[in-house]
Amino acid sequence: MSTIKFFYHTGFFLSNEESISAWLLSVINSEEAEALSLDYSFVDKKKMIKINKTHLNHNYLTDVLAFDYSRDNKIQGDVFVSEEMVRINAGEYNQEFSKELMRVMVHALLHLCGHKDKTPDEQKNIRALEDKYLALL
């Protein structure tokens, strides 16, 4: 049985966990993968910078980080989201916060499904997949 869990380490909470979980599971199915266990943790700025420093040697804030433990198309991972950074980016991109939040959540999931974003072609591909899956919301 697959599970998607949400953990909150700030004052932020998703109001619609059940529908978001169902949407994320539908993305996994569309990617022809199987969900084993997927945890989304919403953390503050300080914690996100610490995770970046500890695991990636980056001394800066990012909106989302995904740690992939998947094998053989069986999705397993930990995703950390900085709600604060998502809000900043939503303003910068003139986007609704909720849409930007769903974009970073599905972006992390697409990484767990094996999609990369290092090259311009990979970035274009992952952005198209984000748009495709956001349209299903």
N, C-alpha and C. Protein backbone atom coordinates (compact mmCIF):
# COMPACT_ATOMS: atom_id res chain seq x y z
N MET A 1 0.85 -1.19 0.00
CA MET A 1 0.00 0.00 0.00
C MET A 1 0.89 1.24 0.00
N SER A 2 0.59 2.14 -0.88
CA SER A 2 1.37 3.37 -1.01
C SER A 2 0.89 4.41 -0.02
N THR A 3 1.83 5.23 0.42
CA THR A 3 1.45 6.29 1.34
C THR A 3 2.16 7.59 1.01
N ILE A 4 1.42 8.64 1.11
CA ILE A 4 2.00 9.98 1.03
C ILE A 4 1.64 10.65 2.35
N LYS A 5 2.67 11.14 3.02
CA LYS A 5 2.45 11.78 4.32
C LYS A 5 2.96 13.22 4.26
N PHE A 6 2.34 14.05 5.07
CA PHE A 6 2.70 15.45 5.16
C PHE A 6 3.08 15.77 6.61
N PHE A 7 4.21 16.45 6.77
CA PHE A 7 4.70 16.84 8.09
C PHE A 7 4.91 18.35 8.11
N TYR A 8 4.54 18.96 9.22
CA TYR A 8 4.56 20.41 9.31
C TYR A 8 5.47 20.85 10.46
N HIS A 9 6.46 21.65 10.13
CA HIS A 9 7.41 22.13 11.12
C HIS A 9 7.36 23.66 11.22
N THR A 10 6.33 24.24 10.66
CA THR A 10 6.10 25.69 10.74
C THR A 10 4.60 25.88 11.01
N GLY A 11 4.13 27.10 10.92
CA GLY A 11 2.71 27.36 11.12
C GLY A 11 1.87 27.05 9.89
N PHE A 12 2.52 26.66 8.80
CA PHE A 12 1.83 26.38 7.55
C PHE A 12 1.23 24.97 7.54
N PHE A 13 0.00 24.84 7.02
CA PHE A 13 -0.64 23.54 6.85
C PHE A 13 -1.38 23.50 5.53
N LEU A 14 -1.35 22.36 4.86
CA LEU A 14 -2.18 22.16 3.66
C LEU A 14 -3.61 21.96 4.13
N SER A 15 -4.55 22.61 3.46
CA SER A 15 -5.95 22.47 3.88
C SER A 15 -6.63 21.30 3.17
N ASN A 16 -5.98 20.76 2.14
CA ASN A 16 -6.61 19.73 1.33
C ASN A 16 -5.67 18.55 1.07
N GLU A 17 -5.13 18.00 2.15
CA GLU A 17 -4.15 16.91 2.03
C GLU A 17 -4.67 15.75 1.19
N GLU A 18 -5.91 15.37 1.41
CA GLU A 18 -6.46 14.20 0.72
C GLU A 18 -6.47 14.38 -0.79
N SER A 19 -6.91 15.53 -1.27
CA SER A 19 -6.96 15.75 -2.72
C SER A 19 -5.56 15.91 -3.31
N ILE A 20 -4.65 16.53 -2.57
CA ILE A 20 -3.27 16.67 -3.05
C ILE A 20 -2.60 15.30 -3.12
N SER A 21 -2.83 14.49 -2.12
CA SER A 21 -2.28 13.14 -2.10
C SER A 21 -2.80 12.33 -3.29
N ALA A 22 -4.09 12.42 -3.57
CA ALA A 22 -4.68 11.70 -4.70
C ALA A 22 -4.08 12.19 -6.02
N TRP A 23 -3.90 13.50 -6.13
CA TRP A 23 -3.28 14.07 -7.34
C TRP A 23 -1.86 13.57 -7.52
N LEU A 24 -1.05 13.60 -6.44
CA LEU A 24 0.33 13.13 -6.53
C LEU A 24 0.38 11.65 -6.91
N LEU A 25 -0.53 10.86 -6.35
CA LEU A 25 -0.59 9.43 -6.72
C LEU A 25 -0.95 9.25 -8.19
N SER A 26 -1.82 10.13 -8.71
CA SER A 26 -2.19 10.04 -10.13
C SER A 26 -1.00 10.39 -11.02
N VAL A 27 -0.16 11.32 -10.56
CA VAL A 27 1.06 11.66 -11.30
C VAL A 27 1.99 10.44 -11.34
N ILE A 28 2.16 9.79 -10.20
CA ILE A 28 3.01 8.60 -10.13
C ILE A 28 2.49 7.53 -11.08
N ASN A 29 1.18 7.32 -11.08
CA ASN A 29 0.58 6.33 -12.00
C ASN A 29 0.83 6.72 -13.45
N SER A 30 0.67 7.99 -13.77
CA SER A 30 0.90 8.47 -15.14
C SER A 30 2.35 8.28 -15.56
N GLU A 31 3.24 8.34 -14.60
CA GLU A 31 4.67 8.15 -14.86
C GLU A 31 5.04 6.66 -14.89
N GLU A 32 4.01 5.81 -14.80
CA GLU A 32 4.17 4.35 -14.82
C GLU A 32 5.11 3.87 -13.73
N ALA A 33 4.90 4.45 -12.54
CA ALA A 33 5.66 4.06 -11.37
C ALA A 33 4.68 3.66 -10.27
N GLU A 34 5.23 3.20 -9.18
CA GLU A 34 4.43 2.78 -8.04
C GLU A 34 4.91 3.54 -6.81
N ALA A 35 3.99 4.02 -6.01
CA ALA A 35 4.35 4.76 -4.80
C ALA A 35 4.55 3.79 -3.65
N LEU A 36 5.71 3.82 -3.05
CA LEU A 36 5.94 3.05 -1.82
C LEU A 36 5.72 3.96 -0.63
N SER A 37 6.55 5.00 -0.54
CA SER A 37 6.40 5.94 0.57
C SER A 37 7.00 7.28 0.17
N LEU A 38 6.23 8.31 0.40
CA LEU A 38 6.62 9.66 0.01
C LEU A 38 6.23 10.61 1.13
N ASP A 39 7.24 11.28 1.70
CA ASP A 39 7.00 12.22 2.79
C ASP A 39 7.33 13.64 2.34
N TYR A 40 6.37 14.54 2.54
CA TYR A 40 6.58 15.96 2.28
C TYR A 40 6.66 16.65 3.64
N SER A 41 7.78 17.34 3.90
CA SER A 41 7.96 18.09 5.14
C SER A 41 8.06 19.57 4.82
N PHE A 42 7.24 20.35 5.49
CA PHE A 42 7.25 21.80 5.33
C PHE A 42 8.09 22.38 6.46
N VAL A 43 9.21 23.02 6.06
CA VAL A 43 10.19 23.48 7.04
C VAL A 43 10.43 24.98 6.90
N ASP A 44 11.00 25.56 7.95
CA ASP A 44 11.29 26.99 7.90
C ASP A 44 12.61 27.25 7.15
N LYS A 45 12.85 28.52 6.94
CA LYS A 45 14.02 28.97 6.17
C LYS A 45 15.33 28.43 6.76
N LYS A 46 15.47 28.52 8.08
CA LYS A 46 16.68 28.09 8.76
C LYS A 46 16.94 26.59 8.54
N LYS A 47 15.90 25.79 8.67
CA LYS A 47 16.02 24.33 8.50
C LYS A 47 16.37 23.99 7.04
N MET A 48 15.77 24.69 6.10
CA MET A 48 16.02 24.41 4.68
C MET A 48 17.47 24.73 4.33
N ILE A 49 17.99 25.84 4.84
CA ILE A 49 19.39 26.19 4.59
C ILE A 49 20.30 25.12 5.22
N LYS A 50 19.95 24.67 6.42
CA LYS A 50 20.74 23.64 7.10
C LYS A 50 20.76 22.34 6.28
N ILE A 51 19.62 21.93 5.76
CA ILE A 51 19.54 20.72 4.93
C ILE A 51 20.40 20.90 3.68
N ASN A 52 20.30 22.07 3.06
CA ASN A 52 21.11 22.37 1.88
C ASN A 52 22.60 22.27 2.20
N LYS A 53 23.02 22.87 3.31
CA LYS A 53 24.43 22.85 3.72
C LYS A 53 24.90 21.43 3.99
N THR A 54 24.14 20.71 4.80
CA THR A 54 24.52 19.37 5.24
C THR A 54 24.61 18.37 4.09
N HIS A 55 23.63 18.39 3.20
CA HIS A 55 23.53 17.34 2.18
C HIS A 55 24.05 17.74 0.81
N LEU A 56 24.03 19.04 0.50
CA LEU A 56 24.42 19.48 -0.84
C LEU A 56 25.58 20.47 -0.84
N ASN A 57 26.03 20.84 0.35
CA ASN A 57 27.11 21.81 0.47
C ASN A 57 26.75 23.16 -0.17
N HIS A 58 25.45 23.51 -0.11
CA HIS A 58 24.96 24.80 -0.61
C HIS A 58 24.58 25.64 0.60
N ASN A 59 25.07 26.85 0.66
CA ASN A 59 24.75 27.73 1.78
C ASN A 59 23.69 28.75 1.37
N TYR A 60 22.55 28.26 0.90
CA TYR A 60 21.48 29.17 0.51
C TYR A 60 20.13 28.46 0.58
N LEU A 61 19.09 29.28 0.52
CA LEU A 61 17.71 28.81 0.62
C LEU A 61 17.20 28.37 -0.74
N THR A 62 16.54 27.22 -0.79
CA THR A 62 15.85 26.77 -2.00
C THR A 62 14.39 26.50 -1.64
N ASP A 63 13.54 26.44 -2.65
CA ASP A 63 12.12 26.21 -2.38
C ASP A 63 11.81 24.75 -2.09
N VAL A 64 12.56 23.82 -2.70
CA VAL A 64 12.25 22.40 -2.52
C VAL A 64 13.52 21.56 -2.68
N LEU A 65 13.60 20.50 -1.91
CA LEU A 65 14.68 19.51 -2.02
C LEU A 65 14.05 18.12 -1.97
N ALA A 66 14.53 17.23 -2.83
CA ALA A 66 14.01 15.87 -2.85
C ALA A 66 15.17 14.89 -2.64
N PHE A 67 14.96 13.97 -1.73
CA PHE A 67 15.92 12.91 -1.48
C PHE A 67 15.29 11.61 -1.97
N ASP A 68 15.93 11.02 -2.95
CA ASP A 68 15.37 9.90 -3.70
C ASP A 68 15.93 8.57 -3.21
N TYR A 69 15.02 7.71 -2.75
CA TYR A 69 15.39 6.35 -2.33
C TYR A 69 14.68 5.32 -3.21
N SER A 70 14.22 5.77 -4.37
CA SER A 70 13.44 4.93 -5.28
C SER A 70 14.31 3.86 -5.92
N ARG A 71 13.65 2.75 -6.24
CA ARG A 71 14.30 1.65 -6.97
C ARG A 71 13.27 0.99 -7.86
N ASP A 72 13.71 0.66 -9.06
CA ASP A 72 12.86 -0.12 -9.98
C ASP A 72 11.45 0.47 -10.13
N ASN A 73 11.36 1.78 -10.37
CA ASN A 73 10.07 2.46 -10.55
C ASN A 73 9.16 2.39 -9.33
N LYS A 74 9.73 2.10 -8.18
CA LYS A 74 8.98 2.13 -6.93
C LYS A 74 9.43 3.39 -6.19
N ILE A 75 8.54 4.37 -6.15
CA ILE A 75 8.87 5.70 -5.65
C ILE A 75 8.92 5.74 -4.13
N GLN A 76 10.06 6.19 -3.64
CA GLN A 76 10.25 6.36 -2.21
C GLN A 76 11.16 7.57 -2.03
N GLY A 77 10.74 8.52 -1.20
CA GLY A 77 11.57 9.69 -1.02
C GLY A 77 11.08 10.62 0.07
N ASP A 78 11.96 11.55 0.40
CA ASP A 78 11.66 12.62 1.34
C ASP A 78 11.78 13.93 0.59
N VAL A 79 10.75 14.75 0.70
CA VAL A 79 10.73 16.06 0.04
C VAL A 79 10.59 17.12 1.13
N PHE A 80 11.46 18.13 1.04
CA PHE A 80 11.40 19.25 1.98
C PHE A 80 11.01 20.50 1.20
N VAL A 81 10.02 21.22 1.73
CA VAL A 81 9.50 22.41 1.06
C VAL A 81 9.62 23.60 2.00
N SER A 82 10.16 24.70 1.47
CA SER A 82 10.20 25.96 2.19
C SER A 82 9.01 26.80 1.72
N GLU A 83 7.97 26.81 2.52
CA GLU A 83 6.77 27.58 2.19
C GLU A 83 7.12 29.05 2.01
N GLU A 84 8.07 29.53 2.81
CA GLU A 84 8.52 30.93 2.73
C GLU A 84 9.12 31.23 1.35
N MET A 85 9.99 30.34 0.87
CA MET A 85 10.62 30.54 -0.43
C MET A 85 9.61 30.39 -1.56
N VAL A 86 8.66 29.48 -1.40
CA VAL A 86 7.60 29.32 -2.42
C VAL A 86 6.80 30.61 -2.52
N ARG A 87 6.51 31.24 -1.38
CA ARG A 87 5.76 32.52 -1.39
C ARG A 87 6.56 33.60 -2.11
N ILE A 88 7.87 33.66 -1.84
CA ILE A 88 8.74 34.65 -2.50
C ILE A 88 8.73 34.42 -4.01
N ASN A 89 8.90 33.16 -4.41
CA ASN A 89 8.92 32.84 -5.84
C ASN A 89 7.58 33.11 -6.51
N ALA A 90 6.49 32.82 -5.81
CA ALA A 90 5.16 33.09 -6.37
C ALA A 90 5.03 34.57 -6.69
N GLY A 91 5.49 35.43 -5.79
CA GLY A 91 5.46 36.87 -6.03
C GLY A 91 6.34 37.26 -7.20
N GLU A 92 7.53 36.68 -7.25
CA GLU A 92 8.48 36.98 -8.32
C GLU A 92 7.96 36.57 -9.69
N TYR A 93 7.29 35.42 -9.74
CA TYR A 93 6.77 34.89 -11.01
C TYR A 93 5.34 35.32 -11.28
N ASN A 94 4.80 36.20 -10.41
CA ASN A 94 3.43 36.69 -10.54
C ASN A 94 2.44 35.52 -10.63
N GLN A 95 2.62 34.59 -9.71
CA GLN A 95 1.85 33.35 -9.69
C GLN A 95 1.09 33.24 -8.37
N GLU A 96 -0.06 32.58 -8.39
CA GLU A 96 -0.76 32.34 -7.13
C GLU A 96 0.10 31.42 -6.27
N PHE A 97 0.11 31.66 -4.96
CA PHE A 97 0.90 30.83 -4.05
C PHE A 97 0.52 29.36 -4.19
N SER A 98 -0.78 29.06 -4.21
CA SER A 98 -1.20 27.65 -4.25
C SER A 98 -0.71 26.94 -5.51
N LYS A 99 -0.70 27.65 -6.64
CA LYS A 99 -0.22 27.04 -7.87
C LYS A 99 1.29 26.83 -7.83
N GLU A 100 2.02 27.80 -7.30
CA GLU A 100 3.47 27.66 -7.18
C GLU A 100 3.82 26.52 -6.21
N LEU A 101 3.05 26.39 -5.15
CA LEU A 101 3.28 25.31 -4.19
C LEU A 101 3.08 23.95 -4.87
N MET A 102 2.00 23.82 -5.63
CA MET A 102 1.75 22.55 -6.33
C MET A 102 2.85 22.28 -7.37
N ARG A 103 3.35 23.35 -8.00
CA ARG A 103 4.42 23.19 -8.98
C ARG A 103 5.68 22.62 -8.32
N VAL A 104 6.09 23.16 -7.18
CA VAL A 104 7.31 22.64 -6.55
C VAL A 104 7.10 21.23 -6.01
N MET A 105 5.89 20.95 -5.55
CA MET A 105 5.61 19.60 -5.04
C MET A 105 5.68 18.57 -6.17
N VAL A 106 5.11 18.90 -7.33
CA VAL A 106 5.16 17.96 -8.45
C VAL A 106 6.55 17.94 -9.06
N HIS A 107 7.26 19.05 -9.04
CA HIS A 107 8.64 19.11 -9.54
C HIS A 107 9.51 18.09 -8.79
N ALA A 108 9.40 18.11 -7.47
CA ALA A 108 10.18 17.17 -6.66
C ALA A 108 9.78 15.73 -6.99
N LEU A 109 8.50 15.49 -7.14
CA LEU A 109 8.02 14.15 -7.47
C LEU A 109 8.55 13.69 -8.83
N LEU A 110 8.59 14.60 -9.80
CA LEU A 110 9.12 14.25 -11.13
C LEU A 110 10.60 13.86 -11.03
N HIS A 111 11.35 14.51 -10.15
CA HIS A 111 12.74 14.09 -9.92
C HIS A 111 12.78 12.65 -9.39
N LEU A 112 11.88 12.35 -8.46
CA LEU A 112 11.84 11.00 -7.90
C LEU A 112 11.43 9.97 -8.96
N CYS A 113 10.72 10.42 -9.97
CA CYS A 113 10.32 9.55 -11.08
C CYS A 113 11.41 9.45 -12.15
N GLY A 114 12.55 10.10 -11.90
CA GLY A 114 13.68 9.95 -12.79
C GLY A 114 13.95 11.10 -13.75
N HIS A 115 13.14 12.16 -13.69
CA HIS A 115 13.34 13.29 -14.58
C HIS A 115 14.43 14.22 -14.03
N LYS A 116 15.26 14.72 -14.91
CA LYS A 116 16.36 15.62 -14.54
C LYS A 116 16.08 17.02 -15.05
N ASP A 117 16.86 17.99 -14.55
CA ASP A 117 16.71 19.37 -15.03
C ASP A 117 18.04 20.11 -15.08
N LYS A 118 19.09 19.40 -15.43
CA LYS A 118 20.43 20.01 -15.49
C LYS A 118 20.67 20.76 -16.80
N THR A 119 20.19 20.21 -17.92
CA THR A 119 20.41 20.84 -19.22
C THR A 119 19.18 21.64 -19.64
N PRO A 120 19.32 22.56 -20.59
CA PRO A 120 18.15 23.31 -21.08
C PRO A 120 17.04 22.39 -21.60
N ASP A 121 17.39 21.33 -22.31
CA ASP A 121 16.37 20.40 -22.81
C ASP A 121 15.65 19.69 -21.67
N GLU A 122 16.41 19.27 -20.66
CA GLU A 122 15.80 18.61 -19.50
C GLU A 122 14.90 19.59 -18.76
N GLN A 123 15.33 20.85 -18.64
CA GLN A 123 14.52 21.87 -17.96
C GLN A 123 13.21 22.09 -18.71
N LYS A 124 13.30 22.15 -20.04
CA LYS A 124 12.11 22.34 -20.87
C LYS A 124 11.14 21.16 -20.69
N ASN A 125 11.69 19.96 -20.67
CA ASN A 125 10.89 18.75 -20.52
C ASN A 125 10.20 18.70 -19.16
N ILE A 126 10.94 18.98 -18.09
CA ILE A 126 10.34 18.88 -16.75
C ILE A 126 9.30 19.98 -16.56
N ARG A 127 9.53 21.15 -17.14
CA ARG A 127 8.54 22.24 -17.06
C ARG A 127 7.25 21.85 -17.79
N ALA A 128 7.39 21.21 -18.95
CA ALA A 128 6.21 20.75 -19.70
C ALA A 128 5.43 19.71 -18.90
N LEU A 129 6.15 18.82 -18.22
CA LEU A 129 5.47 17.82 -17.39
C LEU A 129 4.79 18.48 -16.19
N GLU A 130 5.44 19.45 -15.58
CA GLU A 130 4.80 20.20 -14.48
C GLU A 130 3.49 20.79 -14.96
N ASP A 131 3.53 21.47 -16.10
CA ASP A 131 2.33 22.11 -16.66
C ASP A 131 1.24 21.07 -16.95
N LYS A 132 1.65 19.95 -17.53
CA LYS A 132 0.70 18.87 -17.85
C LYS A 132 -0.01 18.39 -16.58
N TYR A 133 0.76 18.15 -15.52
CA TYR A 133 0.16 17.62 -14.28
C TYR A 133 -0.59 18.69 -13.49
N LEU A 134 -0.14 19.94 -13.56
CA LEU A 134 -0.88 21.01 -12.89
C LEU A 134 -2.25 21.18 -13.52
N ALA A 135 -2.36 20.92 -14.81
CA ALA A 135 -3.64 21.05 -15.51
C ALA A 135 -4.65 20.00 -15.02
N LEU A 136 -4.16 18.94 -14.40
CA LEU A 136 -5.05 17.89 -13.89
C LEU A 136 -5.64 18.23 -12.54
N LEU A 137 -5.12 19.27 -11.91
CA LEU A 137 -5.63 19.66 -10.57
C LEU A 137 -7.04 20.19 -10.63
